[in-house]
Amino acid sequence: MAPPMSAAGFRDQLRAEGVTVVEVGDWTHHNRNHKGPWGPVHGVMIHHTVTKGSEYTVELCREGYAKLPGPLCHGVITKDGCVHLVGYGRANHAGSGDDDVLRAVIAEKALPPDNEANTDGNRHFYGFECENLGDGEDPWPQVQLDAIEKVAAALCRHHGWTERSVIGHLEWQPGKIDPRGFSMGWLRERVRDRLK
């Protein structure tokens, strides 16, 4: 079990990994903690936004929308490779997912298929939304992919996790397809190599 790092520690860990960080408003106190606990944390979850335009994407992920209030993640990774910190604490990003997947992440073992949604993921995962339409055609610039690798590695490095603590939303919750456009196996290989 790992307690979440402090907001300042989170920001500094990302910067130490070489990430360009943009702090958005009072992100350190913007959260959904009144809806439930934040932590212990067990991994990093990657999403795509199904949006276009960095300014709009960051605003949406910070504020949310009528049916899902923000923050919708901790950091938004825009196509230019910047990581916009929009909240810290419990965030509406993971939703309910498979308890077997959570146990595999904790044990850092291969993930089983996600076939149920019975466990609160917002409590247990750092979340990063990545600006992309998610249609399989919208490109992923190299600078953005590099930033995704760096944020995942930064958090794994801090907590002493391996690359197996990095998962995609599609591996957590049945019916989800994100991130689409690269495989999580490929990303975990990059994180593993970065942590060597």
N, C-alpha and C. Protein backbone atom coordinates (compact mmCIF):
# COMPACT_ATOMS: atom_id res chain seq x y z
N MET A 1 0.85 -1.19 0.00
CA MET A 1 0.00 0.00 0.00
C MET A 1 0.88 1.24 0.00
N ALA A 2 0.45 2.22 -0.78
CA ALA A 2 1.24 3.45 -0.86
C ALA A 2 0.33 4.66 -0.64
N PRO A 3 0.66 5.50 0.32
CA PRO A 3 -0.10 6.74 0.44
C PRO A 3 0.23 7.65 -0.75
N PRO A 4 -0.74 8.44 -1.22
CA PRO A 4 -0.43 9.39 -2.30
C PRO A 4 0.64 10.37 -1.83
N MET A 5 1.50 10.77 -2.74
CA MET A 5 2.49 11.78 -2.37
C MET A 5 1.80 13.13 -2.22
N SER A 6 2.46 14.10 -1.63
CA SER A 6 1.89 15.43 -1.51
C SER A 6 1.74 16.04 -2.90
N ALA A 7 0.88 17.03 -3.03
CA ALA A 7 0.70 17.69 -4.32
C ALA A 7 2.02 18.30 -4.81
N ALA A 8 2.75 18.95 -3.91
CA ALA A 8 4.05 19.54 -4.30
C ALA A 8 5.03 18.45 -4.70
N GLY A 9 5.02 17.35 -3.98
CA GLY A 9 5.90 16.24 -4.31
C GLY A 9 5.57 15.64 -5.67
N PHE A 10 4.28 15.54 -5.96
CA PHE A 10 3.80 15.04 -7.25
C PHE A 10 4.32 15.93 -8.38
N ARG A 11 4.11 17.22 -8.24
CA ARG A 11 4.59 18.18 -9.25
C ARG A 11 6.10 18.10 -9.42
N ASP A 12 6.82 18.06 -8.31
CA ASP A 12 8.28 18.05 -8.37
C ASP A 12 8.81 16.75 -8.96
N GLN A 13 8.12 15.64 -8.68
CA GLN A 13 8.55 14.35 -9.23
C GLN A 13 8.40 14.34 -10.75
N LEU A 14 7.31 14.92 -11.25
CA LEU A 14 7.13 15.01 -12.70
C LEU A 14 8.23 15.87 -13.33
N ARG A 15 8.49 17.01 -12.71
CA ARG A 15 9.54 17.89 -13.26
C ARG A 15 10.91 17.21 -13.23
N ALA A 16 11.19 16.46 -12.17
CA ALA A 16 12.48 15.78 -12.06
C ALA A 16 12.66 14.75 -13.18
N GLU A 17 11.54 14.23 -13.69
CA GLU A 17 11.60 13.24 -14.78
C GLU A 17 11.72 13.92 -16.13
N GLY A 18 11.70 15.26 -16.15
CA GLY A 18 11.86 15.99 -17.40
C GLY A 18 10.55 16.42 -18.04
N VAL A 19 9.45 16.39 -17.28
CA VAL A 19 8.14 16.77 -17.79
C VAL A 19 7.97 18.29 -17.70
N THR A 20 7.39 18.88 -18.74
CA THR A 20 7.02 20.29 -18.71
C THR A 20 5.66 20.39 -18.04
N VAL A 21 5.62 21.00 -16.86
CA VAL A 21 4.42 21.06 -16.04
C VAL A 21 3.81 22.46 -16.11
N VAL A 22 2.48 22.51 -16.29
CA VAL A 22 1.72 23.75 -16.24
C VAL A 22 0.71 23.60 -15.10
N GLU A 23 0.76 24.50 -14.13
CA GLU A 23 -0.16 24.44 -13.00
C GLU A 23 -1.40 25.29 -13.32
N VAL A 24 -2.58 24.67 -13.22
CA VAL A 24 -3.83 25.30 -13.61
C VAL A 24 -4.64 25.67 -12.37
N GLY A 25 -4.77 26.96 -12.13
CA GLY A 25 -5.55 27.42 -10.98
C GLY A 25 -5.06 26.82 -9.67
N ASP A 26 -5.98 26.64 -8.75
CA ASP A 26 -5.65 26.06 -7.44
C ASP A 26 -5.78 24.54 -7.52
N TRP A 27 -4.99 23.94 -8.41
CA TRP A 27 -5.11 22.51 -8.67
C TRP A 27 -4.83 21.67 -7.44
N THR A 28 -4.01 22.17 -6.52
CA THR A 28 -3.62 21.36 -5.36
C THR A 28 -4.79 21.08 -4.42
N HIS A 29 -5.86 21.88 -4.51
CA HIS A 29 -7.02 21.70 -3.64
C HIS A 29 -8.30 21.36 -4.42
N HIS A 30 -8.15 21.11 -5.71
CA HIS A 30 -9.31 20.81 -6.56
C HIS A 30 -9.45 19.29 -6.65
N ASN A 31 -10.47 18.73 -6.00
CA ASN A 31 -10.61 17.28 -5.95
C ASN A 31 -12.04 16.89 -5.60
N ARG A 32 -12.27 15.59 -5.49
CA ARG A 32 -13.57 15.03 -5.13
C ARG A 32 -13.47 14.28 -3.81
N ASN A 33 -12.59 14.71 -2.94
CA ASN A 33 -12.34 14.00 -1.68
C ASN A 33 -13.59 13.90 -0.80
N HIS A 34 -14.53 14.80 -0.98
CA HIS A 34 -15.77 14.73 -0.19
C HIS A 34 -16.64 13.54 -0.59
N LYS A 35 -16.33 12.89 -1.71
CA LYS A 35 -17.10 11.74 -2.18
C LYS A 35 -16.51 10.40 -1.75
N GLY A 36 -15.33 10.44 -1.17
CA GLY A 36 -14.71 9.18 -0.75
C GLY A 36 -13.22 9.35 -0.56
N PRO A 37 -12.56 8.31 -0.07
CA PRO A 37 -11.13 8.41 0.21
C PRO A 37 -10.27 8.48 -1.05
N TRP A 38 -9.11 9.05 -0.86
CA TRP A 38 -8.06 9.12 -1.90
C TRP A 38 -6.87 8.35 -1.35
N GLY A 39 -6.63 7.18 -1.93
CA GLY A 39 -5.56 6.32 -1.49
C GLY A 39 -6.08 5.17 -0.65
N PRO A 40 -5.23 4.16 -0.44
CA PRO A 40 -3.87 4.06 -0.95
C PRO A 40 -3.86 3.96 -2.48
N VAL A 41 -2.78 4.45 -3.07
CA VAL A 41 -2.64 4.40 -4.53
C VAL A 41 -1.81 3.18 -4.93
N HIS A 42 -2.18 2.62 -6.07
CA HIS A 42 -1.51 1.40 -6.53
C HIS A 42 -0.99 1.48 -7.96
N GLY A 43 -1.33 2.56 -8.68
CA GLY A 43 -0.88 2.61 -10.06
C GLY A 43 -1.24 3.90 -10.76
N VAL A 44 -0.94 3.91 -12.06
CA VAL A 44 -1.15 5.06 -12.93
C VAL A 44 -2.07 4.61 -14.06
N MET A 45 -3.13 5.36 -14.29
CA MET A 45 -4.07 5.02 -15.36
C MET A 45 -4.01 6.08 -16.46
N ILE A 46 -3.97 5.59 -17.71
CA ILE A 46 -3.86 6.44 -18.89
C ILE A 46 -5.19 6.40 -19.66
N HIS A 47 -5.63 7.58 -20.10
CA HIS A 47 -6.88 7.74 -20.84
C HIS A 47 -6.63 8.57 -22.10
N HIS A 48 -7.61 8.55 -23.02
CA HIS A 48 -7.66 9.60 -24.04
C HIS A 48 -8.95 10.39 -23.85
N THR A 49 -8.97 11.62 -24.35
CA THR A 49 -10.03 12.56 -23.99
C THR A 49 -11.23 12.58 -24.93
N VAL A 50 -11.05 12.17 -26.18
CA VAL A 50 -12.07 12.32 -27.22
C VAL A 50 -12.39 13.81 -27.42
N THR A 51 -11.34 14.63 -27.42
CA THR A 51 -11.50 16.07 -27.63
C THR A 51 -10.42 16.56 -28.59
N LYS A 52 -10.63 17.78 -29.05
CA LYS A 52 -9.65 18.43 -29.92
C LYS A 52 -9.45 19.85 -29.42
N GLY A 53 -8.19 20.25 -29.36
CA GLY A 53 -7.86 21.60 -28.90
C GLY A 53 -7.42 21.59 -27.45
N SER A 54 -6.21 22.02 -27.21
CA SER A 54 -5.63 21.92 -25.87
C SER A 54 -6.37 22.75 -24.84
N GLU A 55 -6.70 24.00 -25.18
CA GLU A 55 -7.35 24.87 -24.20
C GLU A 55 -8.70 24.29 -23.77
N TYR A 56 -9.49 23.86 -24.74
CA TYR A 56 -10.79 23.26 -24.44
C TYR A 56 -10.62 21.98 -23.62
N THR A 57 -9.66 21.15 -23.99
CA THR A 57 -9.43 19.87 -23.31
C THR A 57 -9.06 20.09 -21.85
N VAL A 58 -8.15 21.01 -21.60
CA VAL A 58 -7.72 21.27 -20.22
C VAL A 58 -8.89 21.79 -19.40
N GLU A 59 -9.68 22.70 -19.96
CA GLU A 59 -10.83 23.27 -19.24
C GLU A 59 -11.85 22.18 -18.93
N LEU A 60 -12.14 21.33 -19.89
CA LEU A 60 -13.10 20.24 -19.67
C LEU A 60 -12.62 19.30 -18.58
N CYS A 61 -11.34 18.94 -18.61
CA CYS A 61 -10.81 18.01 -17.62
C CYS A 61 -10.75 18.64 -16.23
N ARG A 62 -10.60 19.95 -16.17
CA ARG A 62 -10.61 20.62 -14.86
C ARG A 62 -12.03 20.73 -14.31
N GLU A 63 -12.97 21.18 -15.13
CA GLU A 63 -14.31 21.49 -14.65
C GLU A 63 -15.29 20.33 -14.75
N GLY A 64 -15.06 19.40 -15.69
CA GLY A 64 -16.01 18.33 -15.91
C GLY A 64 -17.23 18.84 -16.64
N TYR A 65 -18.34 18.12 -16.48
CA TYR A 65 -19.60 18.50 -17.13
C TYR A 65 -20.75 18.07 -16.22
N ALA A 66 -21.98 18.31 -16.65
CA ALA A 66 -23.13 18.15 -15.76
C ALA A 66 -23.19 16.78 -15.10
N LYS A 67 -22.98 15.73 -15.86
CA LYS A 67 -23.11 14.37 -15.30
C LYS A 67 -21.84 13.87 -14.62
N LEU A 68 -20.73 14.56 -14.83
CA LEU A 68 -19.46 14.12 -14.24
C LEU A 68 -18.62 15.35 -13.87
N PRO A 69 -18.71 15.80 -12.62
CA PRO A 69 -17.96 16.99 -12.20
C PRO A 69 -16.45 16.75 -12.19
N GLY A 70 -15.70 17.80 -12.44
CA GLY A 70 -14.25 17.72 -12.40
C GLY A 70 -13.71 17.75 -10.98
N PRO A 71 -12.42 17.46 -10.86
CA PRO A 71 -11.50 17.17 -11.96
C PRO A 71 -11.70 15.76 -12.51
N LEU A 72 -11.44 15.61 -13.82
CA LEU A 72 -11.58 14.33 -14.48
C LEU A 72 -10.26 13.58 -14.56
N CYS A 73 -9.22 14.12 -13.92
CA CYS A 73 -7.91 13.48 -13.89
C CYS A 73 -7.03 14.35 -12.99
N HIS A 74 -5.78 13.96 -12.87
CA HIS A 74 -4.80 14.78 -12.16
C HIS A 74 -4.02 15.65 -13.14
N GLY A 75 -3.70 15.09 -14.29
CA GLY A 75 -2.95 15.83 -15.29
C GLY A 75 -3.47 15.58 -16.69
N VAL A 76 -3.48 16.63 -17.51
CA VAL A 76 -3.88 16.54 -18.91
C VAL A 76 -2.61 16.66 -19.74
N ILE A 77 -2.36 15.66 -20.57
CA ILE A 77 -1.17 15.66 -21.42
C ILE A 77 -1.60 16.10 -22.82
N THR A 78 -1.26 17.33 -23.18
CA THR A 78 -1.67 17.88 -24.47
C THR A 78 -0.69 17.46 -25.56
N LYS A 79 -1.10 17.71 -26.80
CA LYS A 79 -0.32 17.23 -27.94
C LYS A 79 1.09 17.82 -28.00
N ASP A 80 1.29 18.96 -27.33
CA ASP A 80 2.63 19.56 -27.33
C ASP A 80 3.53 18.97 -26.24
N GLY A 81 3.02 17.97 -25.51
CA GLY A 81 3.84 17.30 -24.50
C GLY A 81 3.80 17.96 -23.14
N CYS A 82 3.05 19.04 -22.99
CA CYS A 82 2.92 19.67 -21.66
C CYS A 82 1.93 18.89 -20.81
N VAL A 83 2.18 18.88 -19.51
CA VAL A 83 1.28 18.22 -18.57
C VAL A 83 0.63 19.31 -17.71
N HIS A 84 -0.66 19.48 -17.90
CA HIS A 84 -1.42 20.51 -17.19
C HIS A 84 -2.03 19.88 -15.94
N LEU A 85 -1.59 20.33 -14.78
CA LEU A 85 -2.12 19.80 -13.53
C LEU A 85 -3.44 20.50 -13.23
N VAL A 86 -4.53 19.72 -13.17
CA VAL A 86 -5.87 20.31 -13.02
C VAL A 86 -6.53 19.94 -11.69
N GLY A 87 -5.96 19.00 -10.96
CA GLY A 87 -6.54 18.59 -9.69
C GLY A 87 -5.60 17.68 -8.95
N TYR A 88 -5.86 17.54 -7.66
CA TYR A 88 -5.05 16.60 -6.88
C TYR A 88 -5.86 16.06 -5.72
N GLY A 89 -5.91 14.76 -5.63
CA GLY A 89 -6.76 14.06 -4.70
C GLY A 89 -7.66 13.15 -5.51
N ARG A 90 -8.79 12.82 -4.96
CA ARG A 90 -9.73 11.97 -5.68
C ARG A 90 -10.23 12.71 -6.92
N ALA A 91 -10.21 12.03 -8.07
CA ALA A 91 -10.65 12.63 -9.33
C ALA A 91 -11.56 11.65 -10.05
N ASN A 92 -12.50 12.17 -10.84
CA ASN A 92 -13.46 11.33 -11.57
C ASN A 92 -12.84 10.83 -12.87
N HIS A 93 -11.94 9.87 -12.80
CA HIS A 93 -11.32 9.39 -14.03
C HIS A 93 -11.43 7.89 -14.22
N ALA A 94 -11.27 7.11 -13.20
CA ALA A 94 -11.21 5.65 -13.37
C ALA A 94 -12.58 5.01 -13.31
N GLY A 95 -13.43 5.50 -12.42
CA GLY A 95 -14.73 4.87 -12.23
C GLY A 95 -14.58 3.49 -11.61
N SER A 96 -15.64 2.71 -11.72
CA SER A 96 -15.61 1.35 -11.16
C SER A 96 -14.94 0.41 -12.15
N GLY A 97 -14.15 -0.49 -11.61
CA GLY A 97 -13.46 -1.46 -12.45
C GLY A 97 -13.35 -2.81 -11.77
N ASP A 98 -12.49 -3.63 -12.31
CA ASP A 98 -12.40 -5.04 -11.93
C ASP A 98 -11.45 -5.25 -10.76
N ASP A 99 -11.97 -5.85 -9.70
CA ASP A 99 -11.12 -6.10 -8.52
C ASP A 99 -9.98 -7.07 -8.82
N ASP A 100 -10.17 -7.97 -9.79
CA ASP A 100 -9.07 -8.88 -10.16
C ASP A 100 -7.93 -8.10 -10.81
N VAL A 101 -8.27 -7.08 -11.58
CA VAL A 101 -7.25 -6.23 -12.20
C VAL A 101 -6.50 -5.46 -11.12
N LEU A 102 -7.23 -4.92 -10.14
CA LEU A 102 -6.56 -4.19 -9.06
C LEU A 102 -5.59 -5.10 -8.31
N ARG A 103 -6.01 -6.32 -8.02
CA ARG A 103 -5.11 -7.25 -7.31
C ARG A 103 -3.86 -7.55 -8.14
N ALA A 104 -4.03 -7.67 -9.46
CA ALA A 104 -2.87 -7.92 -10.33
C ALA A 104 -1.93 -6.72 -10.35
N VAL A 105 -2.49 -5.50 -10.37
CA VAL A 105 -1.66 -4.30 -10.34
C VAL A 105 -0.87 -4.25 -9.03
N ILE A 106 -1.55 -4.51 -7.93
CA ILE A 106 -0.89 -4.47 -6.62
C ILE A 106 0.24 -5.49 -6.57
N ALA A 107 -0.01 -6.68 -7.12
CA ALA A 107 1.00 -7.76 -7.13
C ALA A 107 2.01 -7.60 -8.26
N GLU A 108 1.76 -6.62 -9.15
CA GLU A 108 2.59 -6.38 -10.34
C GLU A 108 2.75 -7.64 -11.17
N LYS A 109 1.59 -8.23 -11.48
CA LYS A 109 1.50 -9.42 -12.33
C LYS A 109 0.76 -9.07 -13.61
N ALA A 110 0.77 -9.98 -14.58
CA ALA A 110 0.04 -9.77 -15.83
C ALA A 110 -1.44 -9.54 -15.51
N LEU A 111 -2.06 -8.66 -16.26
CA LEU A 111 -3.45 -8.30 -16.00
C LEU A 111 -4.41 -9.34 -16.55
N PRO A 112 -5.40 -9.73 -15.76
CA PRO A 112 -6.46 -10.60 -16.28
C PRO A 112 -7.43 -9.76 -17.11
N PRO A 113 -8.30 -10.42 -17.89
CA PRO A 113 -9.33 -9.65 -18.59
C PRO A 113 -10.25 -8.94 -17.60
N ASP A 114 -10.63 -7.73 -17.93
CA ASP A 114 -11.56 -6.99 -17.06
C ASP A 114 -12.99 -7.40 -17.45
N ASN A 115 -13.68 -8.06 -16.53
CA ASN A 115 -15.01 -8.55 -16.86
C ASN A 115 -16.08 -8.10 -15.87
N GLU A 116 -15.74 -7.21 -14.96
CA GLU A 116 -16.73 -6.68 -14.03
C GLU A 116 -16.29 -5.30 -13.56
N ALA A 117 -17.24 -4.57 -12.99
CA ALA A 117 -16.96 -3.22 -12.49
C ALA A 117 -17.48 -3.14 -11.06
N ASN A 118 -16.67 -3.63 -10.13
CA ASN A 118 -17.12 -3.74 -8.74
C ASN A 118 -16.20 -3.04 -7.74
N THR A 119 -15.23 -2.27 -8.23
CA THR A 119 -14.23 -1.67 -7.35
C THR A 119 -13.98 -0.22 -7.73
N ASP A 120 -13.90 0.65 -6.74
CA ASP A 120 -13.68 2.08 -6.92
C ASP A 120 -12.23 2.35 -7.36
N GLY A 121 -12.07 2.74 -8.62
CA GLY A 121 -10.73 3.04 -9.12
C GLY A 121 -10.28 4.45 -8.84
N ASN A 122 -11.24 5.38 -8.65
CA ASN A 122 -10.86 6.77 -8.40
C ASN A 122 -10.04 6.90 -7.13
N ARG A 123 -10.21 5.97 -6.23
CA ARG A 123 -9.47 5.98 -4.97
C ARG A 123 -8.02 5.55 -5.16
N HIS A 124 -7.77 4.65 -6.11
CA HIS A 124 -6.51 3.91 -6.14
C HIS A 124 -5.53 4.25 -7.26
N PHE A 125 -5.93 5.11 -8.21
CA PHE A 125 -5.06 5.37 -9.35
C PHE A 125 -4.84 6.86 -9.58
N TYR A 126 -3.59 7.21 -9.88
CA TYR A 126 -3.31 8.50 -10.47
C TYR A 126 -3.86 8.44 -11.90
N GLY A 127 -4.44 9.54 -12.37
CA GLY A 127 -5.04 9.52 -13.71
C GLY A 127 -4.54 10.63 -14.60
N PHE A 128 -4.23 10.26 -15.85
CA PHE A 128 -3.79 11.24 -16.84
C PHE A 128 -4.66 11.10 -18.09
N GLU A 129 -5.30 12.21 -18.44
CA GLU A 129 -6.06 12.29 -19.68
C GLU A 129 -5.14 12.85 -20.77
N CYS A 130 -5.15 12.19 -21.94
CA CYS A 130 -4.27 12.58 -23.03
C CYS A 130 -5.11 13.09 -24.20
N GLU A 131 -4.80 14.28 -24.65
CA GLU A 131 -5.57 14.92 -25.71
C GLU A 131 -5.49 14.10 -27.00
N ASN A 132 -6.62 13.50 -27.37
CA ASN A 132 -6.69 12.72 -28.60
C ASN A 132 -8.15 12.40 -28.86
N LEU A 133 -8.54 12.36 -30.13
CA LEU A 133 -9.92 12.04 -30.48
C LEU A 133 -10.28 10.58 -30.19
N GLY A 134 -9.27 9.73 -30.11
CA GLY A 134 -9.53 8.33 -29.78
C GLY A 134 -10.22 7.56 -30.90
N ASP A 135 -10.06 8.05 -32.13
CA ASP A 135 -10.71 7.39 -33.26
C ASP A 135 -9.77 6.45 -34.02
N GLY A 136 -8.55 6.31 -33.50
CA GLY A 136 -7.57 5.45 -34.18
C GLY A 136 -6.87 6.14 -35.33
N GLU A 137 -7.28 7.36 -35.66
CA GLU A 137 -6.67 8.11 -36.76
C GLU A 137 -5.98 9.38 -36.29
N ASP A 138 -6.49 9.98 -35.23
CA ASP A 138 -5.87 11.20 -34.70
C ASP A 138 -4.45 10.85 -34.27
N PRO A 139 -3.45 11.56 -34.77
CA PRO A 139 -2.06 11.19 -34.47
C PRO A 139 -1.66 11.46 -33.02
N TRP A 140 -0.69 10.70 -32.58
CA TRP A 140 -0.05 10.90 -31.27
C TRP A 140 1.35 11.45 -31.53
N PRO A 141 1.57 12.75 -31.39
CA PRO A 141 2.92 13.30 -31.61
C PRO A 141 3.94 12.65 -30.68
N GLN A 142 5.17 12.53 -31.16
CA GLN A 142 6.21 11.88 -30.36
C GLN A 142 6.42 12.59 -29.03
N VAL A 143 6.34 13.92 -29.04
CA VAL A 143 6.54 14.68 -27.80
C VAL A 143 5.46 14.34 -26.78
N GLN A 144 4.25 14.05 -27.24
CA GLN A 144 3.16 13.66 -26.33
C GLN A 144 3.39 12.25 -25.79
N LEU A 145 3.78 11.34 -26.67
CA LEU A 145 4.08 9.97 -26.21
C LEU A 145 5.23 9.96 -25.21
N ASP A 146 6.22 10.80 -25.45
CA ASP A 146 7.35 10.91 -24.52
C ASP A 146 6.86 11.39 -23.15
N ALA A 147 5.94 12.35 -23.15
CA ALA A 147 5.43 12.87 -21.88
C ALA A 147 4.62 11.82 -21.14
N ILE A 148 3.84 11.02 -21.87
CA ILE A 148 3.07 9.94 -21.24
C ILE A 148 4.02 8.96 -20.56
N GLU A 149 5.06 8.60 -21.27
CA GLU A 149 6.08 7.69 -20.71
C GLU A 149 6.71 8.30 -19.45
N LYS A 150 7.04 9.57 -19.52
CA LYS A 150 7.73 10.22 -18.40
C LYS A 150 6.84 10.31 -17.15
N VAL A 151 5.56 10.69 -17.33
CA VAL A 151 4.71 10.80 -16.13
C VAL A 151 4.52 9.44 -15.48
N ALA A 152 4.32 8.42 -16.29
CA ALA A 152 4.14 7.08 -15.73
C ALA A 152 5.41 6.62 -15.00
N ALA A 153 6.55 6.85 -15.63
CA ALA A 153 7.82 6.44 -15.01
C ALA A 153 8.09 7.24 -13.74
N ALA A 154 7.76 8.53 -13.76
CA ALA A 154 8.02 9.36 -12.58
C ALA A 154 7.30 8.83 -11.36
N LEU A 155 6.03 8.46 -11.52
CA LEU A 155 5.25 7.98 -10.38
C LEU A 155 5.69 6.58 -9.97
N CYS A 156 6.01 5.74 -10.94
CA CYS A 156 6.54 4.42 -10.61
C CYS A 156 7.87 4.54 -9.85
N ARG A 157 8.71 5.45 -10.30
CA ARG A 157 10.01 5.65 -9.66
C ARG A 157 9.83 6.07 -8.19
N HIS A 158 8.92 7.02 -7.96
CA HIS A 158 8.70 7.50 -6.60
C HIS A 158 8.20 6.39 -5.68
N HIS A 159 7.26 5.60 -6.17
CA HIS A 159 6.63 4.59 -5.32
C HIS A 159 7.36 3.25 -5.32
N GLY A 160 8.39 3.12 -6.16
CA GLY A 160 9.10 1.84 -6.24
C GLY A 160 8.32 0.78 -7.00
N TRP A 161 7.44 1.23 -7.89
CA TRP A 161 6.65 0.31 -8.71
C TRP A 161 7.41 -0.04 -9.98
N THR A 162 7.04 -1.16 -10.60
CA THR A 162 7.53 -1.50 -11.93
C THR A 162 6.53 -0.99 -12.96
N GLU A 163 6.83 -1.23 -14.22
CA GLU A 163 5.94 -0.82 -15.31
C GLU A 163 4.58 -1.49 -15.23
N ARG A 164 4.47 -2.58 -14.48
CA ARG A 164 3.19 -3.29 -14.37
C ARG A 164 2.14 -2.51 -13.57
N SER A 165 2.56 -1.42 -12.96
CA SER A 165 1.61 -0.56 -12.25
C SER A 165 1.02 0.52 -13.15
N VAL A 166 1.31 0.44 -14.45
CA VAL A 166 0.77 1.39 -15.43
C VAL A 166 -0.28 0.66 -16.26
N ILE A 167 -1.52 1.16 -16.22
CA ILE A 167 -2.59 0.49 -16.98
C ILE A 167 -3.38 1.51 -17.77
N GLY A 168 -4.10 1.01 -18.75
CA GLY A 168 -5.03 1.83 -19.52
C GLY A 168 -6.44 1.67 -19.00
N HIS A 169 -7.26 2.67 -19.24
CA HIS A 169 -8.66 2.60 -18.82
C HIS A 169 -9.33 1.36 -19.40
N LEU A 170 -8.95 0.99 -20.62
CA LEU A 170 -9.54 -0.18 -21.28
C LEU A 170 -9.18 -1.48 -20.56
N GLU A 171 -8.15 -1.48 -19.74
CA GLU A 171 -7.77 -2.68 -19.00
C GLU A 171 -8.44 -2.74 -17.63
N TRP A 172 -9.12 -1.68 -17.26
CA TRP A 172 -9.73 -1.55 -15.94
C TRP A 172 -11.24 -1.75 -15.96
N GLN A 173 -11.90 -1.13 -16.94
CA GLN A 173 -13.36 -1.10 -16.93
C GLN A 173 -13.91 -1.68 -18.23
N PRO A 174 -14.75 -2.70 -18.14
CA PRO A 174 -15.32 -3.29 -19.36
C PRO A 174 -16.04 -2.25 -20.21
N GLY A 175 -15.81 -2.33 -21.52
CA GLY A 175 -16.46 -1.41 -22.44
C GLY A 175 -15.63 -0.19 -22.80
N LYS A 176 -14.58 0.10 -22.04
CA LYS A 176 -13.73 1.26 -22.35
C LYS A 176 -12.71 0.88 -23.42
N ILE A 177 -12.34 1.85 -24.25
CA ILE A 177 -11.38 1.59 -25.34
C ILE A 177 -10.12 2.43 -25.21
N ASP A 178 -10.06 3.28 -24.20
CA ASP A 178 -8.93 4.22 -24.13
C ASP A 178 -7.78 3.70 -23.26
N PRO A 179 -6.57 4.07 -23.69
CA PRO A 179 -6.22 4.91 -24.83
C PRO A 179 -6.18 4.10 -26.12
N ARG A 180 -6.60 4.73 -27.19
CA ARG A 180 -6.59 4.09 -28.50
C ARG A 180 -5.56 4.79 -29.37
N GLY A 181 -4.74 4.00 -30.06
CA GLY A 181 -3.73 4.56 -30.95
C GLY A 181 -2.33 4.10 -30.60
N PHE A 182 -2.16 3.50 -29.42
CA PHE A 182 -0.93 2.82 -29.04
C PHE A 182 -1.33 1.75 -28.04
N SER A 183 -0.50 0.73 -27.90
CA SER A 183 -0.85 -0.36 -26.98
C SER A 183 -0.24 -0.11 -25.60
N MET A 184 -0.92 -0.59 -24.58
CA MET A 184 -0.38 -0.46 -23.23
C MET A 184 0.86 -1.33 -23.05
N GLY A 185 0.93 -2.44 -23.76
CA GLY A 185 2.14 -3.25 -23.70
C GLY A 185 3.35 -2.47 -24.18
N TRP A 186 3.17 -1.73 -25.27
CA TRP A 186 4.24 -0.89 -25.81
C TRP A 186 4.64 0.18 -24.80
N LEU A 187 3.64 0.83 -24.18
CA LEU A 187 3.94 1.87 -23.21
C LEU A 187 4.67 1.27 -22.00
N ARG A 188 4.21 0.13 -21.52
CA ARG A 188 4.89 -0.48 -20.36
C ARG A 188 6.34 -0.83 -20.68
N GLU A 189 6.61 -1.26 -21.90
CA GLU A 189 8.00 -1.53 -22.29
C GLU A 189 8.84 -0.26 -22.21
N ARG A 190 8.29 0.83 -22.67
CA ARG A 190 9.02 2.11 -22.62
C ARG A 190 9.26 2.54 -21.17
N VAL A 191 8.26 2.37 -20.32
CA VAL A 191 8.41 2.73 -18.91
C VAL A 191 9.45 1.83 -18.26
N ARG A 192 9.39 0.53 -18.57
CA ARG A 192 10.38 -0.40 -18.01
C ARG A 192 11.80 0.03 -18.40
N ASP A 193 12.00 0.36 -19.66
CA ASP A 193 13.34 0.76 -20.11
C ASP A 193 13.77 2.06 -19.45
N ARG A 194 12.84 2.96 -19.23
CA ARG A 194 13.17 4.24 -18.62
C ARG A 194 13.56 4.07 -17.14
N LEU A 195 12.97 3.08 -16.50
CA LEU A 195 13.24 2.87 -15.07
C LEU A 195 14.55 2.13 -14.82
N LYS A 196 15.20 1.61 -15.86
CA LYS A 196 16.45 0.85 -15.68
C LYS A 196 17.57 1.76 -15.19
